[in-house]
Amino acid sequence: GMNLGQHADDMPGNNGSGKQAVWTTAMSSFVLKFMANLVTSGTRASNSFRQVHHKSCAKALNERFKLQVTAAQISNHLRKWKRIWGRVNKLKNLSGALWDEHTCTIVLDQEHYASHVKDHHHDADFLNTPIKNYREMASIFVKGMASSRPARSSNESLARDVLENGIENENVNGGTDLIAKGVEGAAMSFTNTDEGDSGDSSGSLPPPPRPKKAKVKNDDSLLCTMTRVLDRLAEAIEKCSRRDTDVPDDLWANMKGLPGFEQEHLAHYYAYLCENAHVARAFDKLSVPHKTIWVNRYIKNHLSA
C-alpha cells in the first residue's frame, strides 16, 4: 500500500540522474489540486494529461516548495494516486460499506472494520476516516470529466481547439506560460493553509462539481442488481397471489368408494380438499388404507358432535 504521509518516488528525472522525489502530503495535495483545477477549468483537452501539463505542474510545485521536481516525476506521482483511486472505489463496494458523501468516508461497522483491517491492514488509511484528496482524485481520474462542459457550436469548438493547440506549442517551445490560470488556481488554494505536511483536500479550494459520469458508472451495477431483485420479487408475488385450484380430476371418483363412511362426511372432506389443492394432490397419491386414516382424522376434528 501507499503511505499517505511522506513517501518517495523512484522515477528518474529528465537528466537520467535517478534522484528520488520525496513527497509530503502538502506536495501531493498541491499536485492534485493543480491538476483538478486544469480539469474543472476546462483547460485539459482530453482524458489524459499531456507533457506540457506535467511541466507546468512541476514548475508551479518547484516555485512553491523550492524544489527541482521534473515533469516525469509528476507523471509518475499521478500514477500512484490513480492506483489509490482504484483501491478507494474497490473499498466503496465492500459488502456492508456505507458512503458518507459529506466527509468522503467509507464507513464500516466496528466488527466488520476490525475483521477487514486484520487481513488488509493497509486499507486502514481509507476506512472509517475521511479520504484525503478524494474530490481532487474524482475530478482527475473519472473518465469524461473534461468533456462534461456544455456543448459548443462547431465554430466555438474549432476556435477553442486552435487556441489550445497554439498555446501548447508555445509552451513546448519554451514560450509563454501555458496554464497561468491553472497555476494561479492551485497556488491560491494553498494561500490560507499551512505549508507543512498537513496538505489535506479540505483547504480553501472549493470542492469541484460532482463527477456525473462517475455516479452513473458507480450506480450501474447497483441498478442492475436492484432490477434483478425486483423482477424476482414480482414473480414471487404473482406466484403467491395465484389461487391454487389444481385438484386431481378423478378425486371424487376415488373418494366416494371409500368403505365405512357416510357420503355426507365424504362430501365434507371433498369440499375441504377442493379448498386446499396441495392437500388434495397429496391425498390422491395415498393408498386406500391411508386415505381412510386421513378421512377419519378430518371427521374426528371437524364433524364429530
C-alpha atoms as a PDB file:
ATOM      1  CA  GLY A   1       0.000   0.000   0.000  1.00  0.00           C
ATOM      2  CA  MET A   2       0.983   3.613  -0.388  1.00  0.00           C
ATOM      3  CA  ASN A   3       1.715   5.597   2.759  1.00  0.00           C
ATOM      4  CA  LEU A   4      -0.339   8.770   2.646  1.00  0.00           C
ATOM      5  CA  GLY A   5       2.309  10.631   4.621  1.00  0.00           C
ATOM      6  CA  GLN A   6       5.868  11.152   3.438  1.00  0.00           C
ATOM      7  CA  HIS A   7       6.962   8.785   0.662  1.00  0.00           C
ATOM      8  CA  ALA A   8       9.410   8.654  -2.233  1.00  0.00           C
ATOM      9  CA  ASP A   9       9.126   8.192  -5.997  1.00  0.00           C
ATOM     10  CA  ASP A  10      11.817   6.259  -7.848  1.00  0.00           C
ATOM     11  CA  MET A  11      11.175   7.906 -11.222  1.00  0.00           C
ATOM     12  CA  PRO A  12      14.429   9.386 -12.627  1.00  0.00           C
ATOM     13  CA  GLY A  13      14.497  12.989 -13.756  1.00  0.00           C
ATOM     14  CA  ASN A  14      14.863  14.137 -17.331  1.00  0.00           C
ATOM     15  CA  ASN A  15      18.638  14.169 -16.960  1.00  0.00           C
ATOM     16  CA  GLY A  16      18.657  10.460 -16.046  1.00  0.00           C
ATOM     17  CA  SER A  17      20.089  11.143 -12.602  1.00  0.00           C
ATOM     18  CA  GLY A  18      17.628   8.790 -10.911  1.00  0.00           C
ATOM     19  CA  LYS A  19      17.271  11.180  -7.966  1.00  0.00           C
ATOM     20  CA  GLN A  20      14.234  10.406  -5.830  1.00  0.00           C
ATOM     21  CA  ALA A  21      11.497  12.942  -5.144  1.00  0.00           C
ATOM     22  CA  VAL A  22      10.403  12.761  -1.506  1.00  0.00           C
ATOM     23  CA  TRP A  23       6.729  13.655  -1.386  1.00  0.00           C
ATOM     24  CA  THR A  24       4.996  15.196   1.601  1.00  0.00           C
ATOM     25  CA  THR A  25       1.235  15.320   1.952  1.00  0.00           C
ATOM     26  CA  ALA A  26       1.355  19.054   1.241  1.00  0.00           C
ATOM     27  CA  MET A  27       3.209  18.469  -2.042  1.00  0.00           C
ATOM     28  CA  SER A  28       0.832  15.691  -3.080  1.00  0.00           C
ATOM     29  CA  SER A  29      -2.185  17.837  -2.301  1.00  0.00           C
ATOM     30  CA  PHE A  30      -0.717  20.708  -4.312  1.00  0.00           C
ATOM     31  CA  VAL A  31      -0.206  18.487  -7.375  1.00  0.00           C
ATOM     32  CA  LEU A  32      -3.710  17.036  -7.162  1.00  0.00           C
ATOM     33  CA  LYS A  33      -5.314  20.454  -6.664  1.00  0.00           C
ATOM     34  CA  PHE A  34      -3.325  21.825  -9.606  1.00  0.00           C
ATOM     35  CA  MET A  35      -4.410  19.014 -11.924  1.00  0.00           C
ATOM     36  CA  ALA A  36      -8.014  19.139 -10.680  1.00  0.00           C
ATOM     37  CA  ASN A  37      -8.083  22.865 -11.479  1.00  0.00           C
ATOM     38  CA  LEU A  38      -6.986  22.093 -15.044  1.00  0.00           C
ATOM     39  CA  VAL A  39      -9.913  19.701 -15.406  1.00  0.00           C
ATOM     40  CA  THR A  40     -12.608  21.850 -13.822  1.00  0.00           C
ATOM     41  CA  SER A  41     -11.493  24.979 -15.680  1.00  0.00           C
ATOM     42  CA  GLY A  42     -11.702  23.123 -18.996  1.00  0.00           C
ATOM     43  CA  THR A  43      -8.008  23.527 -19.805  1.00  0.00           C
ATOM     44  CA  ARG A  44      -7.382  19.834 -20.281  1.00  0.00           C
ATOM     45  CA  ALA A  45      -8.335  18.927 -23.852  1.00  0.00           C
ATOM     46  CA  SER A  46      -8.672  15.123 -23.478  1.00  0.00           C
ATOM     47  CA  ASN A  47      -8.991  12.341 -20.924  1.00  0.00           C
ATOM     48  CA  SER A  48      -5.223  12.207 -20.368  1.00  0.00           C
ATOM     49  CA  PHE A  49      -2.759  14.895 -19.359  1.00  0.00           C
ATOM     50  CA  ARG A  50      -0.025  15.912 -21.775  1.00  0.00           C
ATOM     51  CA  GLN A  51       3.646  16.585 -21.197  1.00  0.00           C
ATOM     52  CA  VAL A  52       3.010  20.324 -21.158  1.00  0.00           C
ATOM     53  CA  HIS A  53       0.574  19.892 -18.251  1.00  0.00           C
ATOM     54  CA  HIS A  54       3.117  17.899 -16.247  1.00  0.00           C
ATOM     55  CA  LYS A  55       5.782  20.525 -16.959  1.00  0.00           C
ATOM     56  CA  SER A  56       3.521  23.344 -15.826  1.00  0.00           C
ATOM     57  CA  CYS A  57       2.634  21.473 -12.642  1.00  0.00           C
ATOM     58  CA  ALA A  58       6.306  20.758 -11.922  1.00  0.00           C
ATOM     59  CA  LYS A  59       7.143  24.437 -12.438  1.00  0.00           C
ATOM     60  CA  ALA A  60       4.389  25.562 -10.051  1.00  0.00           C
ATOM     61  CA  LEU A  61       5.368  22.949  -7.454  1.00  0.00           C
ATOM     62  CA  ASN A  62       9.052  23.889  -7.637  1.00  0.00           C
ATOM     63  CA  GLU A  63       8.270  27.574  -7.227  1.00  0.00           C
ATOM     64  CA  ARG A  64       6.005  26.853  -4.298  1.00  0.00           C
ATOM     65  CA  PHE A  65       8.262  24.472  -2.364  1.00  0.00           C
ATOM     66  CA  LYS A  66      11.696  25.441  -3.729  1.00  0.00           C
ATOM     67  CA  LEU A  67      12.260  22.025  -5.309  1.00  0.00           C
ATOM     68  CA  GLN A  68      13.611  20.522  -8.544  1.00  0.00           C
ATOM     69  CA  VAL A  69      10.853  18.057  -9.390  1.00  0.00           C
ATOM     70  CA  THR A  70      10.616  17.033 -13.051  1.00  0.00           C
ATOM     71  CA  ALA A  71       7.592  16.545 -15.302  1.00  0.00           C
ATOM     72  CA  ALA A  72       8.375  12.804 -15.373  1.00  0.00           C
ATOM     73  CA  GLN A  73       8.170  12.663 -11.580  1.00  0.00           C
ATOM     74  CA  ILE A  74       4.823  14.466 -11.668  1.00  0.00           C
ATOM     75  CA  SER A  75       3.524  11.884 -14.143  1.00  0.00           C
ATOM     76  CA  ASN A  76       4.836   9.027 -12.001  1.00  0.00           C
ATOM     77  CA  HIS A  77       3.285  10.521  -8.878  1.00  0.00           C
ATOM     78  CA  LEU A  78      -0.104  10.828 -10.584  1.00  0.00           C
ATOM     79  CA  ARG A  79       0.054   7.128 -11.454  1.00  0.00           C
ATOM     80  CA  LYS A  80       0.435   6.336  -7.767  1.00  0.00           C
ATOM     81  CA  TRP A  81      -2.659   8.387  -6.959  1.00  0.00           C
ATOM     82  CA  LYS A  82      -4.534   6.681  -9.770  1.00  0.00           C
ATOM     83  CA  ARG A  83      -3.822   3.354  -8.060  1.00  0.00           C
ATOM     84  CA  ILE A  84      -5.126   4.833  -4.812  1.00  0.00           C
ATOM     85  CA  TRP A  85      -8.290   5.937  -6.650  1.00  0.00           C
ATOM     86  CA  GLY A  86      -8.766   2.386  -7.894  1.00  0.00           C
ATOM     87  CA  ARG A  87      -8.388   0.996  -4.379  1.00  0.00           C
ATOM     88  CA  VAL A  88     -10.836   3.542  -2.942  1.00  0.00           C
ATOM     89  CA  ASN A  89     -13.507   2.572  -5.471  1.00  0.00           C
ATOM     90  CA  LYS A  90     -12.923  -1.106  -4.717  1.00  0.00           C
ATOM     91  CA  LEU A  91     -13.347  -0.483  -0.978  1.00  0.00           C
ATOM     92  CA  LYS A  92     -16.538   1.523  -1.597  1.00  0.00           C
ATOM     93  CA  ASN A  93     -18.042  -1.677  -2.996  1.00  0.00           C
ATOM     94  CA  LEU A  94     -17.280  -3.774   0.088  1.00  0.00           C
ATOM     95  CA  SER A  95     -20.294  -5.669   1.394  1.00  0.00           C
ATOM     96  CA  GLY A  96     -21.928  -3.635   4.150  1.00  0.00           C
ATOM     97  CA  ALA A  97     -19.911  -0.483   3.414  1.00  0.00           C
ATOM     98  CA  LEU A  98     -21.673   2.895   3.518  1.00  0.00           C
ATOM     99  CA  TRP A  99     -20.503   6.054   1.734  1.00  0.00           C
ATOM    100  CA  ASP A 100     -20.618   9.405   3.531  1.00  0.00           C
ATOM    101  CA  GLU A 101     -20.654  11.969   0.711  1.00  0.00           C
ATOM    102  CA  HIS A 102     -20.251  14.914   3.072  1.00  0.00           C
ATOM    103  CA  THR A 103     -16.998  13.719   4.674  1.00  0.00           C
ATOM    104  CA  CYS A 104     -15.812  11.449   1.840  1.00  0.00           C
ATOM    105  CA  THR A 105     -15.645   8.485   4.204  1.00  0.00           C
ATOM    106  CA  ILE A 106     -16.156   4.757   3.619  1.00  0.00           C
ATOM    107  CA  VAL A 107     -17.985   3.630   6.757  1.00  0.00           C
ATOM    108  CA  LEU A 108     -17.901   0.078   8.161  1.00  0.00           C
ATOM    109  CA  ASP A 109     -19.335  -1.080  11.469  1.00  0.00           C
ATOM    110  CA  GLN A 110     -16.655  -1.787  14.081  1.00  0.00           C
ATOM    111  CA  GLU A 111     -16.831  -5.576  13.838  1.00  0.00           C
ATOM    112  CA  HIS A 112     -16.591  -5.546  10.041  1.00  0.00           C
ATOM    113  CA  TYR A 113     -13.814  -2.930  10.173  1.00  0.00           C
ATOM    114  CA  ALA A 114     -11.726  -4.909  12.648  1.00  0.00           C
ATOM    115  CA  SER A 115     -12.113  -8.116  10.650  1.00  0.00           C
ATOM    116  CA  HIS A 116     -11.173  -6.439   7.343  1.00  0.00           C
ATOM    117  CA  VAL A 117      -8.201  -4.463   8.663  1.00  0.00           C
ATOM    118  CA  LYS A 118      -6.839  -7.576  10.370  1.00  0.00           C
ATOM    119  CA  ASP A 119      -6.359  -9.177   6.950  1.00  0.00           C
ATOM    120  CA  HIS A 120      -5.768  -5.966   4.955  1.00  0.00           C
ATOM    121  CA  HIS A 121      -4.018  -3.560   7.321  1.00  0.00           C
ATOM    122  CA  HIS A 122      -3.053  -1.151   4.513  1.00  0.00           C
ATOM    123  CA  ASP A 123      -6.754  -0.418   3.946  1.00  0.00           C
ATOM    124  CA  ALA A 124      -6.993   1.254   7.372  1.00  0.00           C
ATOM    125  CA  ASP A 125      -5.968   4.555   5.714  1.00  0.00           C
ATOM    126  CA  PHE A 126      -9.185   4.512   3.673  1.00  0.00           C
ATOM    127  CA  LEU A 127     -11.840   3.116   6.056  1.00  0.00           C
ATOM    128  CA  ASN A 128     -13.791   4.962   8.769  1.00  0.00           C
ATOM    129  CA  THR A 129     -11.706   8.077   8.150  1.00  0.00           C
ATOM    130  CA  PRO A 130     -12.087  10.922   5.621  1.00  0.00           C
ATOM    131  CA  ILE A 131     -10.189  10.070   2.434  1.00  0.00           C
ATOM    132  CA  LYS A 132      -7.580  12.715   1.694  1.00  0.00           C
ATOM    133  CA  ASN A 133      -7.841  14.436  -1.671  1.00  0.00           C
ATOM    134  CA  TYR A 134     -10.915  12.401  -2.657  1.00  0.00           C
ATOM    135  CA  ARG A 135     -12.639  15.206  -4.558  1.00  0.00           C
ATOM    136  CA  GLU A 136      -9.466  16.087  -6.448  1.00  0.00           C
ATOM    137  CA  MET A 137      -8.948  12.440  -7.413  1.00  0.00           C
ATOM    138  CA  ALA A 138     -12.542  12.258  -8.620  1.00  0.00           C
ATOM    139  CA  SER A 139     -12.018  15.306 -10.848  1.00  0.00           C
ATOM    140  CA  ILE A 140      -8.767  13.961 -12.288  1.00  0.00           C
ATOM    141  CA  PHE A 141      -9.341  10.245 -12.763  1.00  0.00           C
ATOM    142  CA  VAL A 142     -13.013   9.923 -13.685  1.00  0.00           C
ATOM    143  CA  LYS A 143     -13.232   9.489 -17.446  1.00  0.00           C
ATOM    144  CA  GLY A 144     -15.253  12.064 -19.315  1.00  0.00           C
ATOM    145  CA  MET A 145     -14.874  14.882 -16.784  1.00  0.00           C
ATOM    146  CA  ALA A 146     -13.016  17.015 -19.315  1.00  0.00           C
ATOM    147  CA  SER A 147     -15.775  16.579 -21.850  1.00  0.00           C
ATOM    148  CA  SER A 148     -18.579  17.395 -19.422  1.00  0.00           C
ATOM    149  CA  ARG A 149     -18.642  21.087 -20.345  1.00  0.00           C
ATOM    150  CA  PRO A 150     -21.731  22.419 -22.137  1.00  0.00           C
ATOM    151  CA  ALA A 151     -21.819  21.645 -25.839  1.00  0.00           C
ATOM    152  CA  ARG A 152     -20.273  24.272 -28.072  1.00  0.00           C
ATOM    153  CA  SER A 153     -21.056  25.195 -31.636  1.00  0.00           C
ATOM    154  CA  SER A 154     -18.680  23.955 -34.349  1.00  0.00           C
ATOM    155  CA  ASN A 155     -17.155  27.447 -34.706  1.00  0.00           C
ATOM    156  CA  GLU A 156     -16.579  27.751 -30.952  1.00  0.00           C
ATOM    157  CA  SER A 157     -15.098  24.266 -30.796  1.00  0.00           C
ATOM    158  CA  LEU A 158     -12.721  24.962 -33.703  1.00  0.00           C
ATOM    159  CA  ALA A 159     -11.645  28.288 -32.230  1.00  0.00           C
ATOM    160  CA  ARG A 160     -11.017  26.739 -28.830  1.00  0.00           C
ATOM    161  CA  ASP A 161      -9.038  23.795 -30.238  1.00  0.00           C
ATOM    162  CA  VAL A 162      -6.859  26.097 -32.326  1.00  0.00           C
ATOM    163  CA  LEU A 163      -6.288  28.322 -29.320  1.00  0.00           C
ATOM    164  CA  GLU A 164      -5.388  25.427 -27.035  1.00  0.00           C
ATOM    165  CA  ASN A 165      -3.051  23.832 -29.593  1.00  0.00           C
ATOM    166  CA  GLY A 166      -1.381  27.156 -30.272  1.00  0.00           C
ATOM    167  CA  ILE A 167      -0.813  27.850 -26.596  1.00  0.00           C
ATOM    168  CA  GLU A 168       0.523  24.337 -26.052  1.00  0.00           C
ATOM    169  CA  ASN A 169       3.008  24.680 -28.899  1.00  0.00           C
ATOM    170  CA  GLU A 170       4.226  27.948 -27.447  1.00  0.00           C
ATOM    171  CA  ASN A 171       4.945  26.245 -24.143  1.00  0.00           C
ATOM    172  CA  VAL A 172       6.615  23.207 -25.667  1.00  0.00           C
ATOM    173  CA  ASN A 173       8.966  25.575 -27.462  1.00  0.00           C
ATOM    174  CA  GLY A 174       9.733  27.445 -24.271  1.00  0.00           C
ATOM    175  CA  GLY A 175       7.384  30.350 -24.944  1.00  0.00           C
ATOM    176  CA  THR A 176       4.610  31.853 -22.851  1.00  0.00           C
ATOM    177  CA  ASP A 177       3.464  30.053 -19.719  1.00  0.00           C
ATOM    178  CA  LEU A 178       0.695  27.619 -20.824  1.00  0.00           C
ATOM    179  CA  ILE A 179      -1.591  27.310 -17.887  1.00  0.00           C
ATOM    180  CA  ALA A 180      -1.226  30.507 -15.910  1.00  0.00           C
ATOM    181  CA  LYS A 181      -4.790  30.203 -14.755  1.00  0.00           C
ATOM    182  CA  GLY A 182      -4.235  26.642 -13.548  1.00  0.00           C
ATOM    183  CA  VAL A 183      -1.020  27.611 -11.762  1.00  0.00           C
ATOM    184  CA  GLU A 184      -2.725  30.553 -10.093  1.00  0.00           C
ATOM    185  CA  GLY A 185      -5.696  28.426  -9.048  1.00  0.00           C
ATOM    186  CA  ALA A 186      -3.568  25.700  -7.481  1.00  0.00           C
ATOM    187  CA  ALA A 187      -1.284  28.175  -5.742  1.00  0.00           C
ATOM    188  CA  MET A 188      -4.200  30.202  -4.384  1.00  0.00           C
ATOM    189  CA  SER A 189      -5.692  27.054  -2.871  1.00  0.00           C
ATOM    190  CA  PHE A 190      -2.686  26.951  -0.540  1.00  0.00           C
ATOM    191  CA  THR A 191      -2.714  30.636   0.394  1.00  0.00           C
ATOM    192  CA  ASN A 192      -4.679  30.122   3.598  1.00  0.00           C
ATOM    193  CA  THR A 193      -3.273  26.707   4.552  1.00  0.00           C
ATOM    194  CA  ASP A 194      -0.149  25.603   6.362  1.00  0.00           C
ATOM    195  CA  GLU A 195       2.839  24.817   4.175  1.00  0.00           C
ATOM    196  CA  GLY A 196       3.712  21.813   6.330  1.00  0.00           C
ATOM    197  CA  ASP A 197       2.743  18.198   5.813  1.00  0.00           C
ATOM    198  CA  SER A 198      -0.938  18.662   6.533  1.00  0.00           C
ATOM    199  CA  GLY A 199      -1.971  19.184   2.902  1.00  0.00           C
ATOM    200  CA  ASP A 200      -5.446  17.696   3.189  1.00  0.00           C
ATOM    201  CA  SER A 201      -8.026  18.226   0.481  1.00  0.00           C
ATOM    202  CA  SER A 202     -10.167  20.242   2.880  1.00  0.00           C
ATOM    203  CA  GLY A 203      -8.267  23.522   2.229  1.00  0.00           C
ATOM    204  CA  SER A 204      -9.688  26.704   0.791  1.00  0.00           C
ATOM    205  CA  LEU A 205     -10.229  25.196  -2.654  1.00  0.00           C
ATOM    206  CA  PRO A 206     -13.983  24.800  -3.154  1.00  0.00           C
ATOM    207  CA  PRO A 207     -14.980  21.229  -3.999  1.00  0.00           C
ATOM    208  CA  PRO A 208     -15.272  20.624  -7.748  1.00  0.00           C
ATOM    209  CA  PRO A 209     -18.590  19.650  -9.281  1.00  0.00           C
ATOM    210  CA  ARG A 210     -19.671  16.105  -8.684  1.00  0.00           C
ATOM    211  CA  PRO A 211     -18.456  13.774 -11.449  1.00  0.00           C
ATOM    212  CA  LYS A 212     -21.788  12.955 -13.018  1.00  0.00           C
ATOM    213  CA  LYS A 213     -20.485  10.215 -15.266  1.00  0.00           C
ATOM    214  CA  ALA A 214     -18.740   8.566 -12.326  1.00  0.00           C
ATOM    215  CA  LYS A 215     -22.020   8.457 -10.454  1.00  0.00           C
ATOM    216  CA  VAL A 216     -23.714   6.735 -13.357  1.00  0.00           C
ATOM    217  CA  LYS A 217     -20.834   4.270 -13.586  1.00  0.00           C
ATOM    218  CA  ASN A 218     -20.780   3.517  -9.862  1.00  0.00           C
ATOM    219  CA  ASP A 219     -24.540   3.145  -9.732  1.00  0.00           C
ATOM    220  CA  ASP A 220     -24.738   0.973 -12.846  1.00  0.00           C
ATOM    221  CA  SER A 221     -24.041  -2.359 -11.140  1.00  0.00           C
ATOM    222  CA  LEU A 222     -26.315  -1.444  -8.232  1.00  0.00           C
ATOM    223  CA  LEU A 223     -29.122  -0.583 -10.662  1.00  0.00           C
ATOM    224  CA  CYS A 224     -28.744  -3.943 -12.435  1.00  0.00           C
ATOM    225  CA  THR A 225     -28.791  -5.792  -9.117  1.00  0.00           C
ATOM    226  CA  MET A 226     -31.882  -3.947  -7.906  1.00  0.00           C
ATOM    227  CA  THR A 227     -33.649  -4.641 -11.211  1.00  0.00           C
ATOM    228  CA  ARG A 228     -32.999  -8.371 -10.906  1.00  0.00           C
ATOM    229  CA  VAL A 229     -34.170  -8.402  -7.280  1.00  0.00           C
ATOM    230  CA  LEU A 230     -37.371  -6.530  -8.118  1.00  0.00           C
ATOM    231  CA  ASP A 231     -38.093  -8.865 -11.045  1.00  0.00           C
ATOM    232  CA  ARG A 232     -37.744 -11.902  -8.802  1.00  0.00           C
ATOM    233  CA  LEU A 233     -39.887 -10.281  -6.143  1.00  0.00           C
ATOM    234  CA  ALA A 234     -42.604  -9.535  -8.701  1.00  0.00           C
ATOM    235  CA  GLU A 235     -42.550 -13.154  -9.874  1.00  0.00           C
ATOM    236  CA  ALA A 236     -42.812 -14.412  -6.288  1.00  0.00           C
ATOM    237  CA  ILE A 237     -45.729 -12.076  -5.516  1.00  0.00           C
ATOM    238  CA  GLU A 238     -47.526 -13.126  -8.697  1.00  0.00           C
ATOM    239  CA  LYS A 239     -46.987 -16.783  -7.881  1.00  0.00           C
ATOM    240  CA  CYS A 240     -48.257 -16.353  -4.317  1.00  0.00           C
ATOM    241  CA  SER A 241     -51.284 -14.393  -5.496  1.00  0.00           C
ATOM    242  CA  ARG A 242     -52.472 -17.162  -7.818  1.00  0.00           C
ATOM    243  CA  ARG A 243     -55.234 -19.337  -6.360  1.00  0.00           C
ATOM    244  CA  ASP A 244     -54.087 -22.958  -6.239  1.00  0.00           C
ATOM    245  CA  THR A 245     -57.117 -24.903  -7.539  1.00  0.00           C
ATOM    246  CA  ASP A 246     -55.363 -27.665  -9.437  1.00  0.00           C
ATOM    247  CA  VAL A 247     -57.000 -30.729  -7.810  1.00  0.00           C
ATOM    248  CA  PRO A 248     -56.919 -34.187  -9.472  1.00  0.00           C
ATOM    249  CA  ASP A 249     -59.768 -34.730 -11.931  1.00  0.00           C
ATOM    250  CA  ASP A 250     -60.638 -38.174 -10.501  1.00  0.00           C
ATOM    251  CA  LEU A 251     -60.508 -37.101  -6.859  1.00  0.00           C
ATOM    252  CA  TRP A 252     -64.216 -37.543  -6.076  1.00  0.00           C
ATOM    253  CA  ALA A 253     -64.413 -40.795  -8.030  1.00  0.00           C
ATOM    254  CA  ASN A 254     -61.629 -42.225  -5.858  1.00  0.00           C
ATOM    255  CA  MET A 255     -63.174 -40.891  -2.653  1.00  0.00           C
ATOM    256  CA  LYS A 256     -66.838 -41.825  -2.893  1.00  0.00           C
ATOM    257  CA  GLY A 257     -65.982 -45.520  -2.927  1.00  0.00           C
ATOM    258  CA  LEU A 258     -64.077 -45.457   0.362  1.00  0.00           C
ATOM    259  CA  PRO A 259     -65.707 -48.064   2.657  1.00  0.00           C
ATOM    260  CA  GLY A 260     -67.129 -47.247   6.094  1.00  0.00           C
ATOM    261  CA  PHE A 261     -68.022 -43.592   5.565  1.00  0.00           C
ATOM    262  CA  GLU A 262     -71.263 -41.737   5.060  1.00  0.00           C
ATOM    263  CA  GLN A 263     -71.498 -39.880   1.760  1.00  0.00           C
ATOM    264  CA  GLU A 264     -72.199 -36.649   3.670  1.00  0.00           C
ATOM    265  CA  HIS A 265     -68.899 -36.951   5.532  1.00  0.00           C
ATOM    266  CA  LEU A 266     -67.007 -37.731   2.345  1.00  0.00           C
ATOM    267  CA  ALA A 267     -68.597 -34.724   0.648  1.00  0.00           C
ATOM    268  CA  HIS A 268     -67.456 -32.511   3.514  1.00  0.00           C
ATOM    269  CA  TYR A 269     -63.898 -33.793   3.201  1.00  0.00           C
ATOM    270  CA  TYR A 270     -64.020 -33.409  -0.596  1.00  0.00           C
ATOM    271  CA  ALA A 271     -65.014 -29.754  -0.197  1.00  0.00           C
ATOM    272  CA  TYR A 272     -62.084 -29.278   2.186  1.00  0.00           C
ATOM    273  CA  LEU A 273     -59.715 -30.825  -0.345  1.00  0.00           C
ATOM    274  CA  CYS A 274     -61.015 -28.574  -3.143  1.00  0.00           C
ATOM    275  CA  GLU A 275     -60.234 -25.556  -0.957  1.00  0.00           C
ATOM    276  CA  ASN A 276     -56.735 -26.897  -0.255  1.00  0.00           C
ATOM    277  CA  ALA A 277     -55.472 -28.205  -3.573  1.00  0.00           C
ATOM    278  CA  HIS A 278     -51.999 -29.088  -2.309  1.00  0.00           C
ATOM    279  CA  VAL A 279     -53.588 -31.358   0.338  1.00  0.00           C
ATOM    280  CA  ALA A 280     -55.853 -32.890  -2.311  1.00  0.00           C
ATOM    281  CA  ARG A 281     -52.912 -33.811  -4.522  1.00  0.00           C
ATOM    282  CA  ALA A 282     -51.119 -35.445  -1.607  1.00  0.00           C
ATOM    283  CA  PHE A 283     -54.299 -37.295  -0.560  1.00  0.00           C
ATOM    284  CA  ASP A 284     -54.888 -38.642  -4.054  1.00  0.00           C
ATOM    285  CA  LYS A 285     -51.484 -40.357  -4.081  1.00  0.00           C
ATOM    286  CA  LEU A 286     -52.198 -42.367  -0.893  1.00  0.00           C
ATOM    287  CA  SER A 287     -53.273 -45.993  -0.756  1.00  0.00           C
ATOM    288  CA  VAL A 288     -56.852 -46.753   0.348  1.00  0.00           C
ATOM    289  CA  PRO A 289     -55.910 -47.605   3.971  1.00  0.00           C
ATOM    290  CA  HIS A 290     -54.011 -44.332   4.355  1.00  0.00           C
ATOM    291  CA  LYS A 291     -56.806 -42.358   2.722  1.00  0.00           C
ATOM    292  CA  THR A 292     -59.131 -43.873   5.302  1.00  0.00           C
ATOM    293  CA  ILE A 293     -56.889 -42.616   8.099  1.00  0.00           C
ATOM    294  CA  TRP A 294     -56.932 -39.074   6.698  1.00  0.00           C
ATOM    295  CA  VAL A 295     -60.730 -39.041   6.331  1.00  0.00           C
ATOM    296  CA  ASN A 296     -61.205 -40.419   9.848  1.00  0.00           C
ATOM    297  CA  ARG A 297     -58.964 -37.712  11.279  1.00  0.00           C
ATOM    298  CA  TYR A 298     -60.887 -34.962   9.477  1.00  0.00           C
ATOM    299  CA  ILE A 299     -64.257 -36.321  10.677  1.00  0.00           C
ATOM    300  CA  LYS A 300     -62.982 -36.589  14.258  1.00  0.00           C
ATOM    301  CA  ASN A 301     -61.634 -32.999  14.248  1.00  0.00           C
ATOM    302  CA  HIS A 302     -64.394 -31.244  12.315  1.00  0.00           C
ATOM    303  CA  LEU A 303     -67.586 -33.298  12.101  1.00  0.00           C
ATOM    304  CA  SER A 304     -67.854 -35.196  15.398  1.00  0.00           C
ATOM    305  CA  ALA A 305     -70.627 -33.920  17.674  1.00  0.00           C
END
